[in-house]
């Protein structure tokens, strides 16, 4: 049998060409930092989309613009060397209160390797126009301002899922404020829903701002643990939300403490990444 060294030049060149072609045509996903498609219905894709919406709901600082996740349409994941895993997402949203179609978003979510909140860039097209949202916010604000007594409440919603009309403004602001907590605490494998406002108390101020003290219960996924967080929230339409909080669980005691003054509007995508 002839060895490879004895093969005719043409046969050797053909063998070399086929070997080189097979290396060049390896799937892009084989590279450690390549982008790969994800199943849009996967838990990781949905979790990253919810993180993006937590960030948006807080940054927007608008009870009238609160959005929940509808359906993830496309998702991709990329390993960024030295930084972490970055998700590229396209998804629809629902109105947080009514459940009706609210629009669609594209977003990127980077989970840093170091212990810090996810880095979110998100841009959405909403079915509500800005004027409609501002009118809803102003109606809610005036409703709170014209209360004859400070708002005080417990267990919102109740065990049947009902919310008293007088407590709806406080509940909507709790959703916006707790979105900051849920965004900051989320990781690639752990996410949160706001389960209930356990208690709320309004503080009377001499300026135009509205201030509430809350105890909110967060449902941690996938551990199913309930996390209790105390939150102080200050709001005025057209201004950033101010949130300070600390959280404790039954098993861990004092868990976290943080505060933040938000920026204004939601961030614009600075990197398109996946071709959606």
Protein backbone atom coordinates (compact mmCIF):
# COMPACT_ATOMS: atom_id res chain seq x y z
CA UNK A 1 0.00 0.00 0.00
CA UNK A 2 1.35 3.40 -0.91
CA UNK A 3 1.79 5.96 1.88
CA UNK A 4 0.44 9.48 1.70
CA UNK A 5 3.90 10.76 0.74
CA UNK A 6 3.75 8.65 -2.40
CA UNK A 7 0.36 9.95 -3.49
CA UNK A 8 0.25 11.82 -6.80
CA UNK A 9 0.39 15.62 -6.42
CA UNK A 10 -3.19 16.07 -7.68
CA UNK A 11 -4.59 13.61 -5.14
CA UNK A 12 -2.64 15.25 -2.32
CA UNK A 13 -3.93 18.70 -3.27
CA UNK A 14 -7.50 17.38 -3.35
CA UNK A 15 -7.08 15.84 0.11
CA UNK A 16 -5.63 19.10 1.49
CA UNK A 17 -8.43 21.17 -0.06
CA UNK A 18 -11.15 18.94 1.45
CA UNK A 19 -9.51 19.08 4.87
CA UNK A 20 -9.22 22.87 4.78
CA UNK A 21 -12.82 23.24 3.59
CA UNK A 22 -14.13 21.10 6.43
CA UNK A 23 -12.36 23.33 8.96
CA UNK A 24 -13.63 26.55 7.41
CA UNK A 25 -17.20 25.30 7.23
CA UNK A 26 -17.48 24.36 10.91
CA UNK A 27 -20.67 25.88 12.46
CA UNK A 28 -20.19 29.35 13.90
CA UNK A 29 -21.63 28.16 17.23
CA UNK A 30 -18.52 26.05 17.72
CA UNK A 31 -16.54 29.20 18.50
CA UNK A 32 -16.57 29.98 22.24
CA UNK A 33 -17.74 33.60 21.78
CA UNK A 34 -20.10 33.07 18.83
CA UNK A 35 -23.76 33.99 18.90
CA UNK A 36 -26.21 31.08 18.96
CA UNK A 37 -29.96 30.93 18.57
CA UNK A 38 -32.13 30.09 21.59
CA UNK A 39 -35.56 28.53 21.74
CA UNK A 40 -37.82 31.60 22.25
CA UNK A 41 -39.99 29.61 24.68
CA UNK A 42 -37.03 28.65 26.88
CA UNK A 43 -36.90 29.76 30.51
CA UNK A 44 -33.64 31.64 29.94
CA UNK A 45 -35.06 33.66 27.03
CA UNK A 46 -38.24 34.56 28.93
CA UNK A 47 -36.23 35.42 32.04
CA UNK A 48 -33.96 37.80 30.14
CA UNK A 49 -36.98 39.48 28.49
CA UNK A 50 -38.60 40.03 31.91
CA UNK A 51 -35.37 41.55 33.22
CA UNK A 52 -35.44 44.00 30.31
CA UNK A 53 -39.04 44.93 31.16
CA UNK A 54 -38.26 45.35 34.87
CA UNK A 55 -35.59 47.84 33.84
CA UNK A 56 -37.96 49.59 31.41
CA UNK A 57 -40.86 49.83 33.89
CA UNK A 58 -38.62 51.45 36.48
CA UNK A 59 -36.80 53.79 34.11
CA UNK A 60 -40.00 54.96 32.45
CA UNK A 61 -41.37 55.92 35.90
CA UNK A 62 -44.90 55.87 34.52
CA UNK A 63 -47.78 53.82 36.01
CA UNK A 64 -49.68 54.37 32.76
CA UNK A 65 -46.92 52.72 30.71
CA UNK A 66 -46.34 49.55 32.75
CA UNK A 67 -45.75 46.52 30.54
CA UNK A 68 -45.60 42.77 31.11
CA UNK A 69 -44.08 40.12 28.87
CA UNK A 70 -46.27 38.83 26.07
CA UNK A 71 -44.30 36.37 23.94
CA UNK A 72 -40.63 36.07 23.05
CA UNK A 73 -40.37 35.95 19.25
CA UNK A 74 -36.62 35.56 18.78
CA UNK A 75 -33.71 35.04 21.13
CA UNK A 76 -29.97 34.55 20.81
CA UNK A 77 -27.12 34.19 23.28
CA UNK A 78 -23.50 35.25 23.01
CA UNK A 79 -20.64 34.66 25.42
CA UNK A 80 -18.68 37.91 25.79
CA UNK A 81 -15.16 36.96 26.99
CA UNK A 82 -14.35 38.67 30.27
CA UNK A 83 -17.86 40.12 30.60
CA UNK A 84 -20.57 37.45 30.70
CA UNK A 85 -23.52 36.12 28.74
CA UNK A 86 -25.41 38.55 26.52
CA UNK A 87 -28.95 37.90 25.30
CA UNK A 88 -30.44 39.41 22.14
CA UNK A 89 -34.23 39.48 22.27
CA UNK A 90 -37.32 40.38 20.30
CA UNK A 91 -40.66 40.10 22.13
CA UNK A 92 -44.21 41.40 22.43
CA UNK A 93 -45.64 43.07 25.53
CA UNK A 94 -48.98 43.34 27.30
CA UNK A 95 -50.52 46.14 29.32
CA UNK A 96 -49.70 45.28 32.94
CA UNK A 97 -53.22 46.00 34.16
CA UNK A 98 -55.55 44.97 31.32
CA UNK A 99 -53.44 42.26 29.64
CA UNK A 100 -54.15 43.79 26.23
CA UNK A 101 -51.49 44.04 23.54
CA UNK A 102 -49.11 46.88 24.44
CA UNK A 103 -46.54 46.69 21.63
CA UNK A 104 -43.19 45.07 20.90
CA UNK A 105 -39.57 45.49 21.98
CA UNK A 106 -36.02 44.63 21.01
CA UNK A 107 -33.48 44.39 23.80
CA UNK A 108 -30.08 43.18 24.89
CA UNK A 109 -29.42 41.90 28.41
CA UNK A 110 -25.89 41.26 29.66
CA UNK A 111 -25.44 39.26 32.85
CA UNK A 112 -22.02 40.35 34.15
CA UNK A 113 -19.63 37.79 35.60
CA UNK A 114 -19.04 40.09 38.56
CA UNK A 115 -21.83 40.62 41.08
CA UNK A 116 -23.71 43.58 39.61
CA UNK A 117 -27.16 44.17 38.06
CA UNK A 118 -27.86 43.04 34.48
CA UNK A 119 -26.92 45.61 31.84
CA UNK A 120 -30.03 46.36 29.78
CA UNK A 121 -30.60 48.21 26.53
CA UNK A 122 -34.19 48.23 25.31
CA UNK A 123 -36.31 49.99 22.72
CA UNK A 124 -40.07 49.52 22.38
CA UNK A 125 -42.91 50.53 20.11
CA UNK A 126 -46.08 50.98 22.18
CA UNK A 127 -49.72 50.93 21.13
CA UNK A 128 -50.44 53.83 23.52
CA UNK A 129 -49.21 57.23 22.44
CA UNK A 130 -47.25 59.41 24.84
CA UNK A 131 -50.12 61.86 25.34
CA UNK A 132 -52.45 59.06 26.45
CA UNK A 133 -49.84 57.78 28.91
CA UNK A 134 -49.27 61.25 30.37
CA UNK A 135 -53.01 61.75 30.81
CA UNK A 136 -53.30 58.44 32.69
CA UNK A 137 -50.38 59.36 34.93
CA UNK A 138 -51.85 62.77 35.70
CA UNK A 139 -55.26 61.28 36.54
CA UNK A 140 -53.61 58.81 38.90
CA UNK A 141 -51.53 61.58 40.48
CA UNK A 142 -54.55 63.82 41.03
CA UNK A 143 -56.50 60.90 42.50
CA UNK A 144 -53.77 60.38 45.09
CA UNK A 145 -53.36 64.10 45.81
CA UNK A 146 -57.07 64.60 46.41
CA UNK A 147 -57.46 61.80 48.92
CA UNK A 148 -59.01 63.18 52.11
CA UNK A 149 -56.85 60.79 54.15
CA UNK A 150 -53.43 59.22 53.50
CA UNK A 151 -53.66 55.90 51.66
CA UNK A 152 -53.18 52.89 53.92
CA UNK A 153 -53.77 49.32 52.77
CA UNK A 154 -52.87 45.67 53.15
CA UNK A 155 -52.82 42.55 50.97
CA UNK A 156 -53.06 44.07 47.48
CA UNK A 157 -54.41 42.15 45.62
CA UNK A 158 -56.42 40.11 48.11
CA UNK A 159 -56.58 36.30 48.14
CA UNK A 160 -59.17 36.42 45.33
CA UNK A 161 -57.01 38.61 43.09
CA UNK A 162 -59.10 41.75 43.64
CA UNK A 163 -57.79 45.28 44.13
CA UNK A 164 -59.94 47.98 45.71
CA UNK A 165 -60.28 50.96 43.32
CA UNK A 166 -58.95 53.34 46.00
CA UNK A 167 -55.77 51.26 46.25
CA UNK A 168 -55.08 50.88 42.51
CA UNK A 169 -52.79 53.97 42.33
CA UNK A 170 -50.65 52.69 45.20
CA UNK A 171 -50.50 49.23 43.61
CA UNK A 172 -49.44 50.62 40.21
CA UNK A 173 -46.62 52.62 41.80
CA UNK A 174 -45.56 49.51 43.74
CA UNK A 175 -45.19 47.63 40.45
CA UNK A 176 -43.01 50.40 39.02
CA UNK A 177 -40.87 50.67 42.16
CA UNK A 178 -40.46 46.93 42.75
CA UNK A 179 -39.34 46.62 39.12
CA UNK A 180 -36.11 48.28 40.23
CA UNK A 181 -35.61 45.68 42.96
CA UNK A 182 -36.38 42.79 40.60
CA UNK A 183 -34.06 44.14 37.90
CA UNK A 184 -31.20 44.68 40.35
CA UNK A 185 -31.54 41.27 42.03
CA UNK A 186 -32.09 39.16 38.88
CA UNK A 187 -29.40 36.82 37.62
CA UNK A 188 -29.20 34.58 34.56
CA UNK A 189 -30.80 31.72 36.49
CA UNK A 190 -32.97 33.52 39.06
CA UNK A 191 -35.86 35.87 38.31
CA UNK A 192 -38.73 37.59 40.15
CA UNK A 193 -42.41 38.48 39.98
CA UNK A 194 -44.17 40.89 42.33
CA UNK A 195 -46.66 38.65 44.13
CA UNK A 196 -48.38 41.11 46.45
CA UNK A 197 -48.22 44.45 48.23
CA UNK A 198 -48.35 43.24 51.82
CA UNK A 199 -48.76 46.74 53.21
CA UNK A 200 -48.66 50.36 52.04
CA UNK A 201 -48.68 53.68 53.86
CA UNK A 202 -48.65 57.14 52.31
CA UNK A 203 -46.49 59.88 53.80
CA UNK A 204 -47.81 63.44 53.58
CA UNK A 205 -45.29 65.86 52.08
CA UNK A 206 -45.26 69.65 51.81
CA UNK A 207 -43.95 69.61 48.23
CA UNK A 208 -45.63 68.15 45.12
CA UNK A 209 -44.04 64.71 45.35
CA UNK A 210 -45.92 61.60 46.47
CA UNK A 211 -44.24 59.23 48.92
CA UNK A 212 -45.14 55.71 49.99
CA UNK A 213 -43.75 53.09 52.34
CA UNK A 214 -44.33 49.53 51.11
CA UNK A 215 -43.77 45.97 52.11
CA UNK A 216 -43.83 43.95 48.89
CA UNK A 217 -43.61 40.20 48.43
CA UNK A 218 -41.52 38.96 45.51
CA UNK A 219 -41.90 35.47 44.08
CA UNK A 220 -38.46 34.09 43.23
CA UNK A 221 -38.18 31.78 40.20
CA UNK A 222 -37.32 28.88 40.05
CA UNK A 223 -36.74 28.51 43.83
CA UNK A 224 -40.41 29.38 44.60
CA UNK A 225 -39.18 31.34 47.62
CA UNK A 226 -41.13 34.42 48.74
CA UNK A 227 -38.88 37.42 49.44
CA UNK A 228 -40.17 40.26 51.62
CA UNK A 229 -38.85 43.73 50.76
CA UNK A 230 -39.39 47.08 52.44
CA UNK A 231 -39.46 49.88 49.88
CA UNK A 232 -39.64 53.68 50.18
CA UNK A 233 -40.83 55.28 46.93
CA UNK A 234 -41.09 58.93 45.84
CA UNK A 235 -42.78 60.00 42.60
CA UNK A 236 -43.98 63.00 40.61
CA UNK A 237 -45.24 62.68 37.00
CA UNK A 238 -42.51 63.50 34.51
CA UNK A 239 -39.76 62.91 37.08
CA UNK A 240 -37.62 59.83 37.81
CA UNK A 241 -38.76 57.40 40.46
CA UNK A 242 -36.71 57.40 43.65
CA UNK A 243 -36.53 54.02 45.35
CA UNK A 244 -34.74 52.78 48.46
CA UNK A 245 -35.20 49.25 49.74
CA UNK A 246 -33.96 46.32 51.73
CA UNK A 247 -35.07 42.70 51.41
CA UNK A 248 -35.19 39.78 53.81
CA UNK A 249 -36.23 36.15 53.43
CA UNK A 250 -37.28 33.75 56.16
CA UNK A 251 -34.09 31.75 55.82
CA UNK A 252 -31.56 34.49 55.18
CA UNK A 253 -32.66 37.48 57.26
CA UNK A 254 -31.39 40.83 55.95
CA UNK A 255 -30.49 40.16 52.34
CA UNK A 256 -29.85 43.37 50.47
CA UNK A 257 -29.90 47.12 50.79
CA UNK A 258 -29.85 49.63 47.99
CA UNK A 259 -31.13 52.95 46.71
CA UNK A 260 -31.23 54.71 43.40
CA UNK A 261 -32.42 57.80 41.62
CA UNK A 262 -33.45 56.74 38.16
CA UNK A 263 -32.58 58.21 34.83
CA UNK A 264 -35.52 59.33 32.78
CA UNK A 265 -36.54 57.40 29.69
CA UNK A 266 -35.69 53.85 28.66
CA UNK A 267 -32.30 53.28 27.10
CA UNK A 268 -31.89 53.01 23.35
CA UNK A 269 -30.22 49.97 21.87
CA UNK A 270 -26.59 50.78 21.31
CA UNK A 271 -25.69 47.43 19.76
CA UNK A 272 -27.95 45.62 17.37
CA UNK A 273 -26.23 42.24 17.66
CA UNK A 274 -28.57 39.60 16.29
CA UNK A 275 -30.21 40.20 12.95
CA UNK A 276 -33.89 40.25 13.90
